[in-house]
Amino acid sequence: QAATVRDLEEMLTLLQKLWAKLQGLPTASPLEMGAFAVLVLFIVVFLLMLLMTCLTCCCCHRTKGPHSQLT
C-alpha cells in the first residue's frame, strides 16, 4: 500500500506541474505552446492506446482457437 500512496503522490505532483504549465500557457511563446501541445497529444494518444488495449483484452477475450496462434 505504500507504493500506491507514493504513486498517488507522484501523480498529484505531475498534475500540479501540468496545471502550472496550463496557467502560464497564454503568455508563452509560440514555440513553447507547440512543444506543450505535442507533449499533451503524445500523452493523450498513449492513454487512448492503453485504454483500447485494456478494452480489447478484457471485453473481447475469446476462447483460444486455431486462429489465435501465430505458429
PDB file of N, CA and C in Angstrom:
ATOM      1  N   GLN A   1       0.820  -1.191   0.000  1.00  0.00           N
ATOM      2  CA  GLN A   1       0.000   0.000   0.000  1.00  0.00           C
ATOM      3  C   GLN A   1       0.862   1.253   0.000  1.00  0.00           C
ATOM      4  N   ALA A   2       2.078   1.135   0.487  1.00  0.00           N
ATOM      5  CA  ALA A   2       2.975   2.291   0.478  1.00  0.00           C
ATOM      6  C   ALA A   2       3.316   2.700  -0.948  1.00  0.00           C
ATOM      7  N   ALA A   3       3.436   1.715  -1.826  1.00  0.00           N
ATOM      8  CA  ALA A   3       3.718   2.018  -3.237  1.00  0.00           C
ATOM      9  C   ALA A   3       2.547   2.760  -3.860  1.00  0.00           C
ATOM     10  N   THR A   4       1.334   2.408  -3.490  1.00  0.00           N
ATOM     11  CA  THR A   4       0.155   3.069  -4.036  1.00  0.00           C
ATOM     12  C   THR A   4       0.107   4.527  -3.585  1.00  0.00           C
ATOM     13  N   VAL A   5       0.422   4.779  -2.340  1.00  0.00           N
ATOM     14  CA  VAL A   5       0.423   6.151  -1.822  1.00  0.00           C
ATOM     15  C   VAL A   5       1.520   6.954  -2.511  1.00  0.00           C
ATOM     16  N   ARG A   6       2.687   6.347  -2.694  1.00  0.00           N
ATOM     17  CA  ARG A   6       3.791   7.031  -3.366  1.00  0.00           C
ATOM     18  C   ARG A   6       3.431   7.343  -4.816  1.00  0.00           C
ATOM     19  N   ASP A   7       2.796   6.373  -5.496  1.00  0.00           N
ATOM     20  CA  ASP A   7       2.371   6.596  -6.878  1.00  0.00           C
ATOM     21  C   ASP A   7       1.341   7.713  -6.961  1.00  0.00           C
ATOM     22  N   LEU A   8       0.432   7.747  -6.000  1.00  0.00           N
ATOM     23  CA  LEU A   8      -0.582   8.797  -5.975  1.00  0.00           C
ATOM     24  C   LEU A   8       0.059  10.170  -5.768  1.00  0.00           C
ATOM     25  N   GLU A   9       1.042  10.231  -4.889  1.00  0.00           N
ATOM     26  CA  GLU A   9       1.737  11.495  -4.646  1.00  0.00           C
ATOM     27  C   GLU A   9       2.492  11.949  -5.901  1.00  0.00           C
ATOM     28  N   GLU A  10       3.119  11.009  -6.609  1.00  0.00           N
ATOM     29  CA  GLU A  10       3.826  11.359  -7.837  1.00  0.00           C
ATOM     30  C   GLU A  10       2.847  11.861  -8.897  1.00  0.00           C
ATOM     31  N   MET A  11       1.683  11.227  -8.973  1.00  0.00           N
ATOM     32  CA  MET A  11       0.683  11.642  -9.950  1.00  0.00           C
ATOM     33  C   MET A  11       0.165  13.042  -9.616  1.00  0.00           C
ATOM     34  N   LEU A  12      -0.069  13.309  -8.344  1.00  0.00           N
ATOM     35  CA  LEU A  12      -0.517  14.643  -7.946  1.00  0.00           C
ATOM     36  C   LEU A  12       0.541  15.701  -8.241  1.00  0.00           C
ATOM     37  N   THR A  13       1.807  15.353  -8.043  1.00  0.00           N
ATOM     38  CA  THR A  13       2.888  16.283  -8.358  1.00  0.00           C
ATOM     39  C   THR A  13       2.916  16.588  -9.851  1.00  0.00           C
ATOM     40  N   LEU A  14       2.757  15.544 -10.676  1.00  0.00           N
ATOM     41  CA  LEU A  14       2.723  15.752 -12.119  1.00  0.00           C
ATOM     42  C   LEU A  14       1.529  16.608 -12.532  1.00  0.00           C
ATOM     43  N   LEU A  15       0.388  16.371 -11.915  1.00  0.00           N
ATOM     44  CA  LEU A  15      -0.798  17.160 -12.233  1.00  0.00           C
ATOM     45  C   LEU A  15      -0.627  18.618 -11.820  1.00  0.00           C
ATOM     46  N   GLN A  16       0.041  18.850 -10.697  1.00  0.00           N
ATOM     47  CA  GLN A  16       0.296  20.219 -10.264  1.00  0.00           C
ATOM     48  C   GLN A  16       1.237  20.936 -11.237  1.00  0.00           C
ATOM     49  N   LYS A  17       2.253  20.215 -11.729  1.00  0.00           N
ATOM     50  CA  LYS A  17       3.162  20.814 -12.714  1.00  0.00           C
ATOM     51  C   LYS A  17       2.418  21.105 -14.011  1.00  0.00           C
ATOM     52  N   LEU A  18       1.552  20.184 -14.419  1.00  0.00           N
ATOM     53  CA  LEU A  18       0.765  20.383 -15.622  1.00  0.00           C
ATOM     54  C   LEU A  18      -0.157  21.585 -15.470  1.00  0.00           C
ATOM     55  N   TRP A  19      -0.779  21.720 -14.315  1.00  0.00           N
ATOM     56  CA  TRP A  19      -1.675  22.847 -14.065  1.00  0.00           C
ATOM     57  C   TRP A  19      -0.910  24.171 -14.112  1.00  0.00           C
ATOM     58  N   ALA A  20       0.310  24.167 -13.548  1.00  0.00           N
ATOM     59  CA  ALA A  20       1.133  25.383 -13.580  1.00  0.00           C
ATOM     60  C   ALA A  20       1.491  25.745 -15.015  1.00  0.00           C
ATOM     61  N   LYS A  21       1.814  24.737 -15.827  1.00  0.00           N
ATOM     62  CA  LYS A  21       2.112  24.989 -17.244  1.00  0.00           C
ATOM     63  C   LYS A  21       0.889  25.534 -17.970  1.00  0.00           C
ATOM     64  N   LEU A  22      -0.279  24.978 -17.678  1.00  0.00           N
ATOM     65  CA  LEU A  22      -1.507  25.442 -18.330  1.00  0.00           C
ATOM     66  C   LEU A  22      -1.833  26.876 -17.961  1.00  0.00           C
ATOM     67  N   GLN A  23      -1.557  27.259 -16.730  1.00  0.00           N
ATOM     68  CA  GLN A  23      -1.822  28.630 -16.310  1.00  0.00           C
ATOM     69  C   GLN A  23      -0.880  29.615 -16.981  1.00  0.00           C
ATOM     70  N   GLY A  24       0.351  29.193 -17.252  1.00  0.00           N
ATOM     71  CA  GLY A  24       1.315  30.077 -17.890  1.00  0.00           C
ATOM     72  C   GLY A  24       1.290  30.018 -19.404  1.00  0.00           C
ATOM     73  N   LEU A  25       0.443  29.185 -19.964  1.00  0.00           N
ATOM     74  CA  LEU A  25       0.417  28.994 -21.412  1.00  0.00           C
ATOM     75  C   LEU A  25      -0.008  30.234 -22.204  1.00  0.00           C
ATOM     76  N   PRO A  26      -0.972  31.031 -21.735  1.00  0.00           N
ATOM     77  CA  PRO A  26      -1.354  32.210 -22.534  1.00  0.00           C
ATOM     78  C   PRO A  26      -0.214  33.199 -22.759  1.00  0.00           C
ATOM     79  N   THR A  27       0.760  33.235 -21.873  1.00  0.00           N
ATOM     80  CA  THR A  27       1.869  34.174 -22.031  1.00  0.00           C
ATOM     81  C   THR A  27       3.105  33.504 -22.621  1.00  0.00           C
ATOM     82  N   ALA A  28       3.014  32.249 -22.990  1.00  0.00           N
ATOM     83  CA  ALA A  28       4.164  31.512 -23.514  1.00  0.00           C
ATOM     84  C   ALA A  28       4.417  31.880 -24.976  1.00  0.00           C
ATOM     85  N   SER A  29       5.627  31.593 -25.401  1.00  0.00           N
ATOM     86  CA  SER A  29       5.981  31.843 -26.802  1.00  0.00           C
ATOM     87  C   SER A  29       5.322  30.766 -27.680  1.00  0.00           C
ATOM     88  N   PRO A  30       5.200  31.025 -28.966  1.00  0.00           N
ATOM     89  CA  PRO A  30       4.601  30.023 -29.859  1.00  0.00           C
ATOM     90  C   PRO A  30       5.358  28.695 -29.853  1.00  0.00           C
ATOM     91  N   LEU A  31       6.681  28.743 -29.699  1.00  0.00           N
ATOM     92  CA  LEU A  31       7.460  27.518 -29.648  1.00  0.00           C
ATOM     93  C   LEU A  31       7.106  26.689 -28.413  1.00  0.00           C
ATOM     94  N   GLU A  32       6.979  27.348 -27.280  1.00  0.00           N
ATOM     95  CA  GLU A  32       6.603  26.643 -26.055  1.00  0.00           C
ATOM     96  C   GLU A  32       5.195  26.079 -26.155  1.00  0.00           C
ATOM     97  N   MET A  33       4.291  26.835 -26.773  1.00  0.00           N
ATOM     98  CA  MET A  33       2.921  26.358 -26.930  1.00  0.00           C
ATOM     99  C   MET A  33       2.881  25.128 -27.833  1.00  0.00           C
ATOM    100  N   GLY A  34       3.652  25.144 -28.908  1.00  0.00           N
ATOM    101  CA  GLY A  34       3.703  23.996 -29.806  1.00  0.00           C
ATOM    102  C   GLY A  34       4.298  22.779 -29.138  1.00  0.00           C
ATOM    103  N   ALA A  35       5.379  22.978 -28.388  1.00  0.00           N
ATOM    104  CA  ALA A  35       6.014  21.863 -27.693  1.00  0.00           C
ATOM    105  C   ALA A  35       5.069  21.277 -26.647  1.00  0.00           C
ATOM    106  N   PHE A  36       4.357  22.124 -25.952  1.00  0.00           N
ATOM    107  CA  PHE A  36       3.415  21.654 -24.943  1.00  0.00           C
ATOM    108  C   PHE A  36       2.254  20.903 -25.593  1.00  0.00           C
ATOM    109  N   ALA A  37       1.789  21.393 -26.729  1.00  0.00           N
ATOM    110  CA  ALA A  37       0.695  20.720 -27.442  1.00  0.00           C
ATOM    111  C   ALA A  37       1.126  19.340 -27.924  1.00  0.00           C
ATOM    112  N   VAL A  38       2.354  19.222 -28.419  1.00  0.00           N
ATOM    113  CA  VAL A  38       2.865  17.923 -28.861  1.00  0.00           C
ATOM    114  C   VAL A  38       2.973  16.971 -27.683  1.00  0.00           C
ATOM    115  N   LEU A  39       3.443  17.462 -26.554  1.00  0.00           N
ATOM    116  CA  LEU A  39       3.566  16.625 -25.364  1.00  0.00           C
ATOM    117  C   LEU A  39       2.199  16.143 -24.883  1.00  0.00           C
ATOM    118  N   VAL A  40       1.228  17.042 -24.833  1.00  0.00           N
ATOM    119  CA  VAL A  40      -0.120  16.658 -24.406  1.00  0.00           C
ATOM    120  C   VAL A  40      -0.734  15.681 -25.402  1.00  0.00           C
ATOM    121  N   LEU A  41      -0.523  15.909 -26.684  1.00  0.00           N
ATOM    122  CA  LEU A  41      -1.040  14.995 -27.701  1.00  0.00           C
ATOM    123  C   LEU A  41      -0.426  13.610 -27.550  1.00  0.00           C
ATOM    124  N   PHE A  42       0.871  13.533 -27.281  1.00  0.00           N
ATOM    125  CA  PHE A  42       1.532  12.252 -27.071  1.00  0.00           C
ATOM    126  C   PHE A  42       0.931  11.519 -25.870  1.00  0.00           C
ATOM    127  N   ILE A  43       0.702  12.234 -24.789  1.00  0.00           N
ATOM    128  CA  ILE A  43       0.134  11.612 -23.588  1.00  0.00           C
ATOM    129  C   ILE A  43      -1.279  11.118 -23.860  1.00  0.00           C
ATOM    130  N   VAL A  44      -2.076  11.917 -24.555  1.00  0.00           N
ATOM    131  CA  VAL A  44      -3.457  11.520 -24.861  1.00  0.00           C
ATOM    132  C   VAL A  44      -3.477  10.288 -25.755  1.00  0.00           C
ATOM    133  N   VAL A  45      -2.630  10.258 -26.772  1.00  0.00           N
ATOM    134  CA  VAL A  45      -2.575   9.087 -27.665  1.00  0.00           C
ATOM    135  C   VAL A  45      -2.130   7.854 -26.895  1.00  0.00           C
ATOM    136  N   PHE A  46      -1.146   8.003 -26.022  1.00  0.00           N
ATOM    137  CA  PHE A  46      -0.681   6.873 -25.223  1.00  0.00           C
ATOM    138  C   PHE A  46      -1.799   6.339 -24.329  1.00  0.00           C
ATOM    139  N   LEU A  47      -2.518   7.231 -23.667  1.00  0.00           N
ATOM    140  CA  LEU A  47      -3.605   6.793 -22.798  1.00  0.00           C
ATOM    141  C   LEU A  47      -4.738   6.148 -23.581  1.00  0.00           C
ATOM    142  N   LEU A  48      -5.047   6.672 -24.761  1.00  0.00           N
ATOM    143  CA  LEU A  48      -6.081   6.052 -25.593  1.00  0.00           C
ATOM    144  C   LEU A  48      -5.663   4.666 -26.059  1.00  0.00           C
ATOM    145  N   MET A  49      -4.404   4.510 -26.438  1.00  0.00           N
ATOM    146  CA  MET A  49      -3.921   3.193 -26.846  1.00  0.00           C
ATOM    147  C   MET A  49      -3.949   2.220 -25.680  1.00  0.00           C
ATOM    148  N   LEU A  50      -3.598   2.685 -24.497  1.00  0.00           N
ATOM    149  CA  LEU A  50      -3.653   1.844 -23.309  1.00  0.00           C
ATOM    150  C   LEU A  50      -5.086   1.429 -23.004  1.00  0.00           C
ATOM    151  N   LEU A  51      -6.011   2.362 -23.126  1.00  0.00           N
ATOM    152  CA  LEU A  51      -7.422   2.070 -22.892  1.00  0.00           C
ATOM    153  C   LEU A  51      -7.941   1.060 -23.911  1.00  0.00           C
ATOM    154  N   MET A  52      -7.597   1.240 -25.174  1.00  0.00           N
ATOM    155  CA  MET A  52      -8.051   0.308 -26.205  1.00  0.00           C
ATOM    156  C   MET A  52      -7.470  -1.089 -25.983  1.00  0.00           C
ATOM    157  N   THR A  53      -6.228  -1.152 -25.534  1.00  0.00           N
ATOM    158  CA  THR A  53      -5.614  -2.444 -25.250  1.00  0.00           C
ATOM    159  C   THR A  53      -6.328  -3.138 -24.105  1.00  0.00           C
ATOM    160  N   CYS A  54      -6.613  -2.393 -23.054  1.00  0.00           N
ATOM    161  CA  CYS A  54      -7.316  -2.983 -21.911  1.00  0.00           C
ATOM    162  C   CYS A  54      -8.717  -3.431 -22.309  1.00  0.00           C
ATOM    163  N   LEU A  55      -9.414  -2.616 -23.080  1.00  0.00           N
ATOM    164  CA  LEU A  55     -10.758  -2.998 -23.509  1.00  0.00           C
ATOM    165  C   LEU A  55     -10.730  -4.225 -24.399  1.00  0.00           C
ATOM    166  N   THR A  56      -9.745  -4.305 -25.281  1.00  0.00           N
ATOM    167  CA  THR A  56      -9.642  -5.459 -26.167  1.00  0.00           C
ATOM    168  C   THR A  56      -9.344  -6.727 -25.376  1.00  0.00           C
ATOM    169  N   CYS A  57      -8.449  -6.626 -24.416  1.00  0.00           N
ATOM    170  CA  CYS A  57      -8.087  -7.807 -23.632  1.00  0.00           C
ATOM    171  C   CYS A  57      -9.216  -8.236 -22.695  1.00  0.00           C
ATOM    172  N   CYS A  58      -9.861  -7.278 -22.073  1.00  0.00           N
ATOM    173  CA  CYS A  58     -10.871  -7.603 -21.061  1.00  0.00           C
ATOM    174  C   CYS A  58     -12.246  -7.900 -21.665  1.00  0.00           C
ATOM    175  N   CYS A  59     -12.665  -7.098 -22.611  1.00  0.00           N
ATOM    176  CA  CYS A  59     -14.030  -7.210 -23.125  1.00  0.00           C
ATOM    177  C   CYS A  59     -14.144  -8.142 -24.316  1.00  0.00           C
ATOM    178  N   CYS A  60     -13.110  -8.261 -25.086  1.00  0.00           N
ATOM    179  CA  CYS A  60     -13.183  -9.055 -26.316  1.00  0.00           C
ATOM    180  C   CYS A  60     -12.369 -10.335 -26.197  1.00  0.00           C
ATOM    181  N   HIS A  61     -12.230 -10.831 -24.995  1.00  0.00           N
ATOM    182  CA  HIS A  61     -11.450 -12.043 -24.777  1.00  0.00           C
ATOM    183  C   HIS A  61     -12.215 -13.233 -25.328  1.00  0.00           C
ATOM    184  N   ARG A  62     -11.614 -13.891 -26.273  1.00  0.00           N
ATOM    185  CA  ARG A  62     -12.259 -15.042 -26.898  1.00  0.00           C
ATOM    186  C   ARG A  62     -11.537 -16.303 -26.476  1.00  0.00           C
ATOM    187  N   THR A  63     -12.195 -17.406 -26.651  1.00  0.00           N
ATOM    188  CA  THR A  63     -11.550 -18.681 -26.340  1.00  0.00           C
ATOM    189  C   THR A  63     -10.436 -18.930 -27.329  1.00  0.00           C
ATOM    190  N   LYS A  64      -9.415 -19.595 -26.875  1.00  0.00           N
ATOM    191  CA  LYS A  64      -8.274 -19.856 -27.745  1.00  0.00           C
ATOM    192  C   LYS A  64      -8.656 -20.901 -28.780  1.00  0.00           C
ATOM    193  N   GLY A  65      -8.417 -20.556 -29.987  1.00  0.00           N
ATOM    194  CA  GLY A  65      -8.709 -21.462 -31.081  1.00  0.00           C
ATOM    195  C   GLY A  65      -7.527 -21.541 -32.015  1.00  0.00           C
ATOM    196  N   PRO A  66      -7.696 -22.189 -33.144  1.00  0.00           N
ATOM    197  CA  PRO A  66      -6.578 -22.334 -34.075  1.00  0.00           C
ATOM    198  C   PRO A  66      -6.148 -21.009 -34.695  1.00  0.00           C
ATOM    199  N   HIS A  67      -7.013 -20.014 -34.703  1.00  0.00           N
ATOM    200  CA  HIS A  67      -6.669 -18.731 -35.318  1.00  0.00           C
ATOM    201  C   HIS A  67      -5.899 -17.821 -34.375  1.00  0.00           C
ATOM    202  N   SER A  68      -5.851 -18.146 -33.093  1.00  0.00           N
ATOM    203  CA  SER A  68      -5.184 -17.271 -32.144  1.00  0.00           C
ATOM    204  C   SER A  68      -3.699 -17.566 -32.017  1.00  0.00           C
ATOM    205  N   GLN A  69      -3.221 -18.627 -32.634  1.00  0.00           N
ATOM    206  CA  GLN A  69      -1.814 -18.980 -32.545  1.00  0.00           C
ATOM    207  C   GLN A  69      -1.067 -18.428 -33.743  1.00  0.00           C
ATOM    208  N   LEU A  70       0.146 -17.961 -33.497  1.00  0.00           N
ATOM    209  CA  LEU A  70       0.943 -17.386 -34.561  1.00  0.00           C
ATOM    210  C   LEU A  70       1.716 -18.437 -35.344  1.00  0.00           C
ATOM    211  N   THR A  71       1.968 -19.590 -34.740  1.00  0.00           N
ATOM    212  CA  THR A  71       2.763 -20.612 -35.431  1.00  0.00           C
ATOM    213  C   THR A  71       1.915 -21.542 -36.243  1.00  0.00           C
TER     214      THR A  71
END
